[in-house]
Amino acid sequence: MNTVLITGATSGIGLQLAQDYLAQGDRVVVCGRNPIALSEFDNVGDKAETLQFDVTNTAATVNALAEMRSQPNIWIFNAGNCEYVEQGLLDAELIRRVFDTNFIGLVNSLQAAQPLFKSGDQVVVVGSISSEVALPRAEAYGASKAAVSYLARTLQMTLAPKNIKVSVVYPGFVKTPLTDRNTFEMPMIVSAEQASRAIRRGIEKQSAYIYFPARFTSILRLIGVLPYRWQNLLTQKLLKG
């Protein structure tokens, strides 16, 4: 039986992961900001431990994990947010909000968790395929996820001597309350159930990189090896089609 900590576990992919790990008999540390959503896990007994905190608050994150009763062996850092930049009009506050959750929130979570890491643990960081190819309107989100990817890939090297494996997740579009707000077509979108299945399978295999859906992320990865000018032309065509 595993003990799995999941940040951002009260909605979307994180919620589905928490439900699926509990369904297969694992213990889950469910982390989130929303006390009402967290209370939904009260009926599963001692299989679920809930921690309420905001990952953008360093002290709250450190204190919450320091008070945790469980000892996870799988750490899934999933908390994230997305806001789009319209017509290329940059907004520093918007970009700061996205980075505060997606990148600084990840750093806060890792800072709080790292004293608890032990040999054999798996650390899973949820990024985005948008970090590998520039996408329209994703100036803030894509840049934050590029920072996430770089940090996670660095941790793969620095944590390896401690026998701690790091996996980076690169999802395409996933149907969640966050993407339900999107007003544009999302090619090859998958369900949260499909996303959870892909992530859990990748964790079980201890895959360093977890990409899904396979076809969409493969197309973008192939585009990513081309010259930037070609990348822009092909990406715009793919997203319009």
C-alpha atoms as a PDB file:
ATOM      1  CA  MET A   1       0.000   0.000   0.000  1.00  0.00           C
ATOM      2  CA  ASN A   2       1.253   3.458  -0.912  1.00  0.00           C
ATOM      3  CA  THR A   3       0.786   6.706   0.946  1.00  0.00           C
ATOM      4  CA  VAL A   4       0.270   9.460  -1.613  1.00  0.00           C
ATOM      5  CA  LEU A   5       0.360  13.202  -0.964  1.00  0.00           C
ATOM      6  CA  ILE A   6      -1.438  15.299  -3.581  1.00  0.00           C
ATOM      7  CA  THR A   7      -1.531  19.094  -3.703  1.00  0.00           C
ATOM      8  CA  GLY A   8      -4.393  20.736  -5.535  1.00  0.00           C
ATOM      9  CA  ALA A   9      -6.459  17.667  -4.686  1.00  0.00           C
ATOM     10  CA  THR A  10      -9.891  19.257  -4.352  1.00  0.00           C
ATOM     11  CA  SER A  11     -10.564  19.785  -8.057  1.00  0.00           C
ATOM     12  CA  GLY A  12      -9.711  18.517 -11.520  1.00  0.00           C
ATOM     13  CA  ILE A  13      -6.833  16.090 -11.996  1.00  0.00           C
ATOM     14  CA  GLY A  14      -5.821  16.226  -8.330  1.00  0.00           C
ATOM     15  CA  LEU A  15      -9.300  15.303  -7.128  1.00  0.00           C
ATOM     16  CA  GLN A  16      -9.520  12.420  -9.590  1.00  0.00           C
ATOM     17  CA  LEU A  17      -6.107  11.130  -8.512  1.00  0.00           C
ATOM     18  CA  ALA A  18      -7.119  11.269  -4.852  1.00  0.00           C
ATOM     19  CA  GLN A  19     -10.351   9.375  -5.519  1.00  0.00           C
ATOM     20  CA  ASP A  20      -8.613   6.762  -7.664  1.00  0.00           C
ATOM     21  CA  TYR A  21      -5.779   6.111  -5.215  1.00  0.00           C
ATOM     22  CA  LEU A  22      -8.296   5.734  -2.384  1.00  0.00           C
ATOM     23  CA  ALA A  23     -10.396   3.368  -4.528  1.00  0.00           C
ATOM     24  CA  GLN A  24      -7.400   1.081  -5.038  1.00  0.00           C
ATOM     25  CA  GLY A  25      -6.733   0.924  -1.308  1.00  0.00           C
ATOM     26  CA  ASP A  26      -3.942   3.446  -0.875  1.00  0.00           C
ATOM     27  CA  ARG A  27      -3.735   6.103   1.824  1.00  0.00           C
ATOM     28  CA  VAL A  28      -3.961   9.687   0.546  1.00  0.00           C
ATOM     29  CA  VAL A  29      -2.941  13.022   2.046  1.00  0.00           C
ATOM     30  CA  VAL A  30      -5.419  15.366   0.389  1.00  0.00           C
ATOM     31  CA  CYS A  31      -4.126  18.945   0.198  1.00  0.00           C
ATOM     32  CA  GLY A  32      -6.137  21.979  -0.867  1.00  0.00           C
ATOM     33  CA  ARG A  33      -7.422  25.424   0.021  1.00  0.00           C
ATOM     34  CA  ASN A  34     -11.161  24.730   0.079  1.00  0.00           C
ATOM     35  CA  PRO A  35     -12.372  23.405   3.464  1.00  0.00           C
ATOM     36  CA  ILE A  36     -15.769  22.401   2.055  1.00  0.00           C
ATOM     37  CA  ALA A  37     -14.185  20.338  -0.718  1.00  0.00           C
ATOM     38  CA  LEU A  38     -11.759  18.784   1.778  1.00  0.00           C
ATOM     39  CA  SER A  39     -14.658  17.797   4.047  1.00  0.00           C
ATOM     40  CA  GLU A  40     -15.892  15.468   1.285  1.00  0.00           C
ATOM     41  CA  PHE A  41     -13.056  13.124   2.296  1.00  0.00           C
ATOM     42  CA  ASP A  42     -14.220  12.871   5.914  1.00  0.00           C
ATOM     43  CA  ASN A  43     -16.332   9.806   5.119  1.00  0.00           C
ATOM     44  CA  VAL A  44     -13.435   7.591   3.991  1.00  0.00           C
ATOM     45  CA  GLY A  45     -12.079   7.016   7.478  1.00  0.00           C
ATOM     46  CA  ASP A  46      -8.371   6.853   8.207  1.00  0.00           C
ATOM     47  CA  LYS A  47      -7.484   6.248   4.549  1.00  0.00           C
ATOM     48  CA  ALA A  48      -7.516  10.011   3.933  1.00  0.00           C
ATOM     49  CA  GLU A  49      -5.749  12.774   5.830  1.00  0.00           C
ATOM     50  CA  THR A  50      -6.715  16.305   4.809  1.00  0.00           C
ATOM     51  CA  LEU A  51      -4.465  19.349   4.970  1.00  0.00           C
ATOM     52  CA  GLN A  52      -5.867  22.812   4.313  1.00  0.00           C
ATOM     53  CA  PHE A  53      -3.375  25.414   3.110  1.00  0.00           C
ATOM     54  CA  ASP A  54      -2.603  27.718   0.202  1.00  0.00           C
ATOM     55  CA  VAL A  55       0.592  26.753  -1.639  1.00  0.00           C
ATOM     56  CA  THR A  56       1.336  30.425  -2.341  1.00  0.00           C
ATOM     57  CA  ASN A  57       1.801  30.979   1.403  1.00  0.00           C
ATOM     58  CA  THR A  58       5.243  29.691   2.361  1.00  0.00           C
ATOM     59  CA  ALA A  59       4.697  29.585   6.131  1.00  0.00           C
ATOM     60  CA  ALA A  60       1.269  27.944   5.858  1.00  0.00           C
ATOM     61  CA  THR A  61       2.638  25.282   3.501  1.00  0.00           C
ATOM     62  CA  VAL A  62       5.643  24.495   5.705  1.00  0.00           C
ATOM     63  CA  ASN A  63       3.492  24.376   8.853  1.00  0.00           C
ATOM     64  CA  ALA A  64       0.842  22.129   7.282  1.00  0.00           C
ATOM     65  CA  LEU A  65       3.335  19.508   6.111  1.00  0.00           C
ATOM     66  CA  ALA A  66       5.232  19.677   9.406  1.00  0.00           C
ATOM     67  CA  GLU A  67       2.000  18.723  11.215  1.00  0.00           C
ATOM     68  CA  MET A  68       1.176  15.872   8.804  1.00  0.00           C
ATOM     69  CA  ARG A  69       0.608  12.542  10.535  1.00  0.00           C
ATOM     70  CA  SER A  70       1.294  10.396   7.472  1.00  0.00           C
ATOM     71  CA  GLN A  71       4.609   9.547   5.817  1.00  0.00           C
ATOM     72  CA  PRO A  72       4.093   9.647   2.039  1.00  0.00           C
ATOM     73  CA  ASN A  73       6.219   7.614  -0.310  1.00  0.00           C
ATOM     74  CA  ILE A  74       4.641   9.222  -3.408  1.00  0.00           C
ATOM     75  CA  TRP A  75       4.532  13.027  -3.542  1.00  0.00           C
ATOM     76  CA  ILE A  76       2.373  14.515  -6.316  1.00  0.00           C
ATOM     77  CA  PHE A  77       2.761  18.287  -6.677  1.00  0.00           C
ATOM     78  CA  ASN A  78      -0.229  19.169  -8.811  1.00  0.00           C
ATOM     79  CA  ALA A  79      -1.608  22.525  -7.607  1.00  0.00           C
ATOM     80  CA  GLY A  80      -1.901  24.966 -10.482  1.00  0.00           C
ATOM     81  CA  ASN A  81      -3.830  27.786 -12.075  1.00  0.00           C
ATOM     82  CA  CYS A  82      -4.271  29.232 -15.546  1.00  0.00           C
ATOM     83  CA  GLU A  83      -5.067  32.728 -16.773  1.00  0.00           C
ATOM     84  CA  TYR A  84      -4.698  33.755 -20.387  1.00  0.00           C
ATOM     85  CA  VAL A  85      -3.179  36.896 -21.884  1.00  0.00           C
ATOM     86  CA  GLU A  86      -5.536  38.465 -24.404  1.00  0.00           C
ATOM     87  CA  GLN A  87      -4.187  39.891 -27.681  1.00  0.00           C
ATOM     88  CA  GLY A  88      -0.635  39.936 -26.331  1.00  0.00           C
ATOM     89  CA  LEU A  89      -1.438  42.687 -23.813  1.00  0.00           C
ATOM     90  CA  LEU A  90       0.806  41.783 -20.909  1.00  0.00           C
ATOM     91  CA  ASP A  91      -0.492  42.248 -17.383  1.00  0.00           C
ATOM     92  CA  ALA A  92       2.143  42.002 -14.661  1.00  0.00           C
ATOM     93  CA  GLU A  93      -0.389  41.220 -11.937  1.00  0.00           C
ATOM     94  CA  LEU A  94      -1.933  38.405 -13.984  1.00  0.00           C
ATOM     95  CA  ILE A  95       1.476  36.901 -14.687  1.00  0.00           C
ATOM     96  CA  ARG A  96       2.426  37.224 -11.017  1.00  0.00           C
ATOM     97  CA  ARG A  97      -0.734  35.385  -9.944  1.00  0.00           C
ATOM     98  CA  VAL A  98      -0.048  32.507 -12.321  1.00  0.00           C
ATOM     99  CA  PHE A  99       3.613  32.241 -11.299  1.00  0.00           C
ATOM    100  CA  ASP A 100       2.723  32.475  -7.602  1.00  0.00           C
ATOM    101  CA  THR A 101       0.577  29.352  -7.847  1.00  0.00           C
ATOM    102  CA  ASN A 102       2.293  27.328 -10.553  1.00  0.00           C
ATOM    103  CA  PHE A 103       5.948  27.974  -9.759  1.00  0.00           C
ATOM    104  CA  ILE A 104       6.379  29.636  -6.363  1.00  0.00           C
ATOM    105  CA  GLY A 105       3.641  27.368  -5.008  1.00  0.00           C
ATOM    106  CA  LEU A 106       5.618  24.375  -6.230  1.00  0.00           C
ATOM    107  CA  VAL A 107       8.801  25.723  -4.637  1.00  0.00           C
ATOM    108  CA  ASN A 108       6.960  26.297  -1.345  1.00  0.00           C
ATOM    109  CA  SER A 109       5.601  22.742  -1.437  1.00  0.00           C
ATOM    110  CA  LEU A 110       9.011  21.233  -2.204  1.00  0.00           C
ATOM    111  CA  GLN A 111      10.661  23.299   0.516  1.00  0.00           C
ATOM    112  CA  ALA A 112       8.114  22.022   3.025  1.00  0.00           C
ATOM    113  CA  ALA A 113       8.330  18.407   1.849  1.00  0.00           C
ATOM    114  CA  GLN A 114      12.064  17.935   1.314  1.00  0.00           C
ATOM    115  CA  PRO A 115      12.949  17.352   4.994  1.00  0.00           C
ATOM    116  CA  LEU A 116      10.489  14.423   4.858  1.00  0.00           C
ATOM    117  CA  PHE A 117      11.814  12.807   1.664  1.00  0.00           C
ATOM    118  CA  LYS A 118      13.434   9.409   2.167  1.00  0.00           C
ATOM    119  CA  SER A 119      15.244   6.880   0.013  1.00  0.00           C
ATOM    120  CA  GLY A 120      12.887   5.167  -2.408  1.00  0.00           C
ATOM    121  CA  ASP A 121      10.325   7.981  -2.540  1.00  0.00           C
ATOM    122  CA  GLN A 122       8.835   9.185  -5.808  1.00  0.00           C
ATOM    123  CA  VAL A 123       8.364  12.904  -6.453  1.00  0.00           C
ATOM    124  CA  VAL A 124       5.898  13.754  -9.213  1.00  0.00           C
ATOM    125  CA  VAL A 125       5.649  17.275 -10.613  1.00  0.00           C
ATOM    126  CA  VAL A 126       2.702  18.134 -12.858  1.00  0.00           C
ATOM    127  CA  GLY A 127       3.782  20.479 -15.628  1.00  0.00           C
ATOM    128  CA  SER A 128       2.237  21.004 -19.063  1.00  0.00           C
ATOM    129  CA  ILE A 129       3.027  20.265 -22.695  1.00  0.00           C
ATOM    130  CA  SER A 130       2.713  24.040 -23.186  1.00  0.00           C
ATOM    131  CA  SER A 131       6.173  24.345 -21.631  1.00  0.00           C
ATOM    132  CA  GLU A 132       7.721  22.730 -24.703  1.00  0.00           C
ATOM    133  CA  VAL A 133       6.071  24.783 -27.478  1.00  0.00           C
ATOM    134  CA  ALA A 134       4.912  28.409 -27.437  1.00  0.00           C
ATOM    135  CA  LEU A 135       1.112  28.581 -27.603  1.00  0.00           C
ATOM    136  CA  PRO A 136      -1.120  31.597 -28.278  1.00  0.00           C
ATOM    137  CA  ARG A 137      -2.508  33.338 -25.157  1.00  0.00           C
ATOM    138  CA  ALA A 138      -0.331  31.157 -22.892  1.00  0.00           C
ATOM    139  CA  GLU A 139       2.365  33.746 -22.208  1.00  0.00           C
ATOM    140  CA  ALA A 140       1.832  33.485 -18.430  1.00  0.00           C
ATOM    141  CA  TYR A 141       0.800  29.848 -18.107  1.00  0.00           C
ATOM    142  CA  GLY A 142       3.365  28.437 -20.549  1.00  0.00           C
ATOM    143  CA  ALA A 143       6.210  30.459 -19.055  1.00  0.00           C
ATOM    144  CA  SER A 144       5.317  29.315 -15.534  1.00  0.00           C
ATOM    145  CA  LYS A 145       5.181  25.680 -16.654  1.00  0.00           C
ATOM    146  CA  ALA A 146       8.526  26.057 -18.459  1.00  0.00           C
ATOM    147  CA  ALA A 147       9.987  27.120 -15.115  1.00  0.00           C
ATOM    148  CA  VAL A 148       8.319  24.118 -13.469  1.00  0.00           C
ATOM    149  CA  SER A 149       9.795  21.759 -16.077  1.00  0.00           C
ATOM    150  CA  TYR A 150      13.305  23.151 -15.685  1.00  0.00           C
ATOM    151  CA  LEU A 151      13.161  22.918 -11.894  1.00  0.00           C
ATOM    152  CA  ALA A 152      11.822  19.357 -11.969  1.00  0.00           C
ATOM    153  CA  ARG A 153      14.412  18.155 -14.473  1.00  0.00           C
ATOM    154  CA  THR A 154      17.144  19.654 -12.305  1.00  0.00           C
ATOM    155  CA  LEU A 155      15.735  17.845  -9.267  1.00  0.00           C
ATOM    156  CA  GLN A 156      15.977  14.581 -11.196  1.00  0.00           C
ATOM    157  CA  MET A 157      19.737  15.003 -11.072  1.00  0.00           C
ATOM    158  CA  THR A 158      20.127  16.460  -7.592  1.00  0.00           C
ATOM    159  CA  LEU A 159      17.841  13.946  -5.841  1.00  0.00           C
ATOM    160  CA  ALA A 160      19.109  10.853  -7.693  1.00  0.00           C
ATOM    161  CA  PRO A 161      22.067  10.317  -5.288  1.00  0.00           C
ATOM    162  CA  LYS A 162      19.492  10.085  -2.458  1.00  0.00           C
ATOM    163  CA  ASN A 163      17.594   7.369  -4.363  1.00  0.00           C
ATOM    164  CA  ILE A 164      14.602   9.667  -4.878  1.00  0.00           C
ATOM    165  CA  LYS A 165      13.053   9.430  -8.337  1.00  0.00           C
ATOM    166  CA  VAL A 166      11.462  12.495  -9.925  1.00  0.00           C
ATOM    167  CA  SER A 167       8.801  12.250 -12.628  1.00  0.00           C
ATOM    168  CA  VAL A 168       7.591  15.195 -14.708  1.00  0.00           C
ATOM    169  CA  VAL A 169       4.062  15.115 -16.111  1.00  0.00           C
ATOM    170  CA  TYR A 170       3.329  16.872 -19.408  1.00  0.00           C
ATOM    171  CA  PRO A 171      -0.447  16.811 -20.005  1.00  0.00           C
ATOM    172  CA  GLY A 172      -2.258  18.133 -23.026  1.00  0.00           C
ATOM    173  CA  PHE A 173      -5.786  19.461 -22.597  1.00  0.00           C
ATOM    174  CA  VAL A 174      -7.746  17.812 -19.773  1.00  0.00           C
ATOM    175  CA  LYS A 175     -11.423  18.458 -19.073  1.00  0.00           C
ATOM    176  CA  THR A 176     -11.531  20.060 -15.620  1.00  0.00           C
ATOM    177  CA  PRO A 177     -13.331  23.036 -14.041  1.00  0.00           C
ATOM    178  CA  LEU A 178     -10.277  25.085 -15.064  1.00  0.00           C
ATOM    179  CA  THR A 179     -10.464  24.192 -18.764  1.00  0.00           C
ATOM    180  CA  ASP A 180     -14.275  24.449 -18.718  1.00  0.00           C
ATOM    181  CA  ARG A 181     -13.711  28.209 -18.697  1.00  0.00           C
ATOM    182  CA  ASN A 182     -11.827  28.091 -22.001  1.00  0.00           C
ATOM    183  CA  THR A 183     -13.620  29.649 -24.952  1.00  0.00           C
ATOM    184  CA  PHE A 184     -11.456  28.075 -27.662  1.00  0.00           C
ATOM    185  CA  GLU A 185     -11.246  24.620 -29.188  1.00  0.00           C
ATOM    186  CA  MET A 186      -9.005  22.206 -27.273  1.00  0.00           C
ATOM    187  CA  PRO A 187      -7.691  19.500 -29.629  1.00  0.00           C
ATOM    188  CA  MET A 188      -7.728  15.883 -28.421  1.00  0.00           C
ATOM    189  CA  ILE A 189      -8.942  16.830 -24.934  1.00  0.00           C
ATOM    190  CA  VAL A 190      -9.116  13.943 -22.455  1.00  0.00           C
ATOM    191  CA  SER A 191     -11.162  13.381 -19.302  1.00  0.00           C
ATOM    192  CA  ALA A 192      -9.828  13.707 -15.769  1.00  0.00           C
ATOM    193  CA  GLU A 193     -10.277   9.943 -15.456  1.00  0.00           C
ATOM    194  CA  GLN A 194      -8.010   9.364 -18.453  1.00  0.00           C
ATOM    195  CA  ALA A 195      -5.465  11.811 -17.065  1.00  0.00           C
ATOM    196  CA  SER A 196      -5.440  10.082 -13.688  1.00  0.00           C
ATOM    197  CA  ARG A 197      -4.993   6.698 -15.336  1.00  0.00           C
ATOM    198  CA  ALA A 198      -2.035   7.943 -17.395  1.00  0.00           C
ATOM    199  CA  ILE A 199      -0.354   9.557 -14.408  1.00  0.00           C
ATOM    200  CA  ARG A 200      -0.849   6.556 -12.109  1.00  0.00           C
ATOM    201  CA  ARG A 201       0.451   4.211 -14.797  1.00  0.00           C
ATOM    202  CA  GLY A 202       3.526   6.397 -15.275  1.00  0.00           C
ATOM    203  CA  ILE A 203       4.159   6.532 -11.529  1.00  0.00           C
ATOM    204  CA  GLU A 204       3.844   2.762 -11.249  1.00  0.00           C
ATOM    205  CA  LYS A 205       6.431   2.378 -14.015  1.00  0.00           C
ATOM    206  CA  GLN A 206       8.601   5.077 -12.383  1.00  0.00           C
ATOM    207  CA  SER A 207       8.699   6.895 -15.718  1.00  0.00           C
ATOM    208  CA  ALA A 208      10.862  10.004 -15.695  1.00  0.00           C
ATOM    209  CA  TYR A 209       8.506  11.745 -18.145  1.00  0.00           C
ATOM    210  CA  ILE A 210       4.765  11.195 -18.452  1.00  0.00           C
ATOM    211  CA  TYR A 211       3.112  12.553 -21.613  1.00  0.00           C
ATOM    212  CA  PHE A 212      -0.582  12.317 -22.506  1.00  0.00           C
ATOM    213  CA  PRO A 213      -2.639  12.161 -24.602  1.00  0.00           C
ATOM    214  CA  ALA A 214      -0.009  10.375 -26.669  1.00  0.00           C
ATOM    215  CA  ARG A 215      -0.947  11.662 -30.111  1.00  0.00           C
ATOM    216  CA  PHE A 216      -1.351  15.335 -29.178  1.00  0.00           C
ATOM    217  CA  THR A 217       1.760  15.559 -27.034  1.00  0.00           C
ATOM    218  CA  SER A 218       3.804  13.647 -29.648  1.00  0.00           C
ATOM    219  CA  ILE A 219       2.790  16.144 -32.318  1.00  0.00           C
ATOM    220  CA  LEU A 220       3.798  19.095 -30.155  1.00  0.00           C
ATOM    221  CA  ARG A 221       7.082  17.450 -29.160  1.00  0.00           C
ATOM    222  CA  LEU A 222       7.917  16.902 -32.836  1.00  0.00           C
ATOM    223  CA  ILE A 223       7.047  20.519 -33.583  1.00  0.00           C
ATOM    224  CA  GLY A 224       9.309  21.519 -30.689  1.00  0.00           C
ATOM    225  CA  VAL A 225      12.448  20.262 -32.430  1.00  0.00           C
ATOM    226  CA  LEU A 226      11.869  22.512 -35.464  1.00  0.00           C
ATOM    227  CA  PRO A 227      13.161  26.070 -35.922  1.00  0.00           C
ATOM    228  CA  TYR A 228      11.079  28.571 -33.950  1.00  0.00           C
ATOM    229  CA  ARG A 229       9.569  30.158 -37.067  1.00  0.00           C
ATOM    230  CA  TRP A 230       8.232  26.794 -38.226  1.00  0.00           C
ATOM    231  CA  GLN A 231       7.037  25.980 -34.730  1.00  0.00           C
ATOM    232  CA  ASN A 232       4.850  29.085 -34.648  1.00  0.00           C
ATOM    233  CA  LEU A 233       3.319  28.403 -38.052  1.00  0.00           C
ATOM    234  CA  LEU A 234       2.541  24.745 -37.326  1.00  0.00           C
ATOM    235  CA  THR A 235       1.214  25.377 -33.833  1.00  0.00           C
ATOM    236  CA  GLN A 236      -1.195  28.038 -35.053  1.00  0.00           C
ATOM    237  CA  LYS A 237      -2.425  25.664 -37.769  1.00  0.00           C
ATOM    238  CA  LEU A 238      -2.840  22.761 -35.310  1.00  0.00           C
ATOM    239  CA  LEU A 239      -4.828  24.808 -32.807  1.00  0.00           C
ATOM    240  CA  LYS A 240      -7.074  26.259 -35.523  1.00  0.00           C
ATOM    241  CA  GLY A 241      -7.697  22.789 -36.960  1.00  0.00           C
END
